[in-house]
Amino acid sequence: MLRGAAEVLEAGPRPSRRETCPSANLVRLRLDEVSPTPPNPRCNFGTDEDKTRFGEELRQAQPAACVAVTRAAYLALWPDHEGRLVDAGHVLVNGERCFHSAVHVGLDALSRFWTT
């Protein structure tokens, strides 16, 4: 059943993201510590020119956080992917275009990763 506006207002303020996702952290990760996601359906991340342009933009500022999970958490769900991951402590879940563009222009790290 949908709640009315009065009920929502009486319930008080919404909890912050930190309260609802206490195990998520926004961190800086070196790109060599992150493996791309093997089953990503997207295989075209743009032309070299596109990746250069976006990578240089990322050098200045990263507009949105990428999402990564620990290798152990990823393999707990998809153990058959182990041989398809690079040797890294985290697996990218969202943000492959950022990742590939950053690698393309030689960035060492991205500064905004949500991790668990």
Protein backbone atom coordinates (compact mmCIF):
# COMPACT_ATOMS: atom_id res chain seq x y z
CA MET A 1 0.00 0.00 0.00
CA LEU A 2 1.32 3.45 -0.87
CA ARG A 3 1.85 5.85 1.99
CA GLY A 4 0.36 9.31 1.82
CA ALA A 5 2.40 12.50 1.98
CA ALA A 6 1.27 13.13 5.56
CA GLU A 7 2.59 9.73 6.65
CA VAL A 8 5.94 10.36 4.98
CA LEU A 9 6.27 13.76 6.63
CA GLU A 10 5.34 12.34 10.03
CA ALA A 11 7.95 9.62 9.62
CA GLY A 12 10.71 12.24 9.75
CA PRO A 13 13.77 12.73 7.58
CA ARG A 14 15.12 9.96 5.40
CA PRO A 15 18.27 8.26 6.66
CA SER A 16 21.49 9.33 4.98
CA ARG A 17 23.22 7.09 2.44
CA ARG A 18 25.87 6.34 5.07
CA GLU A 19 23.16 5.05 7.41
CA THR A 20 21.52 2.90 4.74
CA CYS A 21 24.79 1.64 3.15
CA PRO A 22 27.23 1.53 6.04
CA SER A 23 29.50 -1.01 4.36
CA ALA A 24 30.08 1.07 1.21
CA ASN A 25 33.18 3.25 1.03
CA LEU A 26 34.26 5.88 -1.48
CA VAL A 27 37.97 5.27 -2.07
CA ARG A 28 40.82 5.85 -4.51
CA LEU A 29 41.99 2.68 -6.27
CA ARG A 30 45.00 2.14 -8.47
CA LEU A 31 43.88 0.84 -11.85
CA ASP A 32 46.23 -2.13 -11.58
CA GLU A 33 44.24 -3.14 -8.45
CA VAL A 34 41.01 -3.43 -10.49
CA SER A 35 39.92 -6.13 -12.91
CA PRO A 36 37.34 -5.38 -15.60
CA THR A 37 34.14 -7.43 -15.35
CA PRO A 38 34.40 -10.50 -17.61
CA PRO A 39 30.73 -10.77 -18.61
CA ASN A 40 30.31 -7.06 -19.44
CA PRO A 41 28.04 -7.00 -22.51
CA ARG A 42 29.57 -3.73 -23.67
CA CYS A 43 32.65 -4.39 -25.78
CA ASN A 44 33.03 -1.00 -27.49
CA PHE A 45 34.24 1.75 -25.17
CA GLY A 46 34.66 4.30 -27.95
CA THR A 47 37.31 5.14 -30.49
CA ASP A 48 40.85 5.92 -29.41
CA GLU A 49 39.93 9.60 -29.84
CA ASP A 50 36.86 9.17 -27.61
CA LYS A 51 38.88 7.39 -24.92
CA THR A 52 41.61 10.04 -25.09
CA ARG A 53 39.11 12.87 -24.72
CA PHE A 54 37.26 11.21 -21.84
CA GLY A 55 40.48 10.06 -20.18
CA GLU A 56 41.86 13.61 -20.21
CA GLU A 57 38.58 14.83 -18.67
CA LEU A 58 39.02 12.20 -15.94
CA ARG A 59 42.52 13.51 -15.32
CA GLN A 60 40.88 16.80 -14.27
CA ALA A 61 37.80 15.46 -12.45
CA GLN A 62 35.86 12.23 -12.20
CA PRO A 63 32.14 13.11 -12.53
CA ALA A 64 30.74 9.88 -11.09
CA ALA A 65 32.02 7.08 -8.92
CA CYS A 66 32.76 3.66 -10.36
CA VAL A 67 31.56 0.61 -8.44
CA ALA A 68 33.90 -2.23 -7.49
CA VAL A 69 33.67 -5.21 -5.16
CA THR A 70 36.45 -7.22 -3.62
CA ARG A 71 37.73 -10.12 -5.66
CA ALA A 72 36.55 -12.51 -2.92
CA ALA A 73 33.01 -11.07 -2.94
CA TYR A 74 32.84 -11.31 -6.74
CA LEU A 75 34.15 -14.89 -6.82
CA ALA A 76 31.71 -15.93 -4.09
CA LEU A 77 28.96 -15.20 -6.61
CA TRP A 78 30.73 -16.22 -9.83
CA PRO A 79 33.50 -18.72 -8.99
CA ASP A 80 33.71 -19.88 -12.61
CA HIS A 81 35.04 -16.41 -13.61
CA GLU A 82 38.27 -16.79 -11.63
CA GLY A 83 40.39 -17.62 -14.67
CA ARG A 84 38.96 -14.62 -16.54
CA LEU A 85 39.95 -11.99 -13.95
CA VAL A 86 43.27 -10.21 -13.97
CA ASP A 87 45.32 -10.50 -10.77
CA ALA A 88 43.69 -7.66 -8.83
CA GLY A 89 42.07 -7.14 -5.43
CA HIS A 90 38.84 -5.61 -6.81
CA VAL A 91 36.48 -6.31 -9.71
CA LEU A 92 34.75 -3.50 -11.54
CA VAL A 93 30.96 -3.76 -11.48
CA ASN A 94 30.05 -0.41 -13.04
CA GLY A 95 32.23 2.18 -14.76
CA GLU A 96 33.99 0.26 -17.53
CA ARG A 97 34.08 3.29 -19.86
CA CYS A 98 35.82 5.36 -17.17
CA PHE A 99 38.22 2.50 -16.46
CA HIS A 100 39.17 1.87 -20.09
CA SER A 101 39.53 5.60 -20.84
CA ALA A 102 41.72 6.12 -17.78
CA VAL A 103 43.95 3.18 -18.74
CA HIS A 104 44.10 4.48 -22.33
CA VAL A 105 45.59 7.84 -21.26
CA GLY A 106 47.92 6.28 -18.68
CA LEU A 107 46.25 7.32 -15.43
CA ASP A 108 47.49 5.36 -12.41
CA ALA A 109 44.26 5.56 -10.43
CA LEU A 110 40.70 6.80 -10.31
CA SER A 111 39.75 8.69 -7.21
CA ARG A 112 36.13 7.70 -6.80
CA PHE A 113 35.24 4.04 -6.37
CA TRP A 114 32.34 2.74 -4.30
CA THR A 115 33.57 -0.48 -2.76
CA THR A 116 32.25 -3.04 -0.33
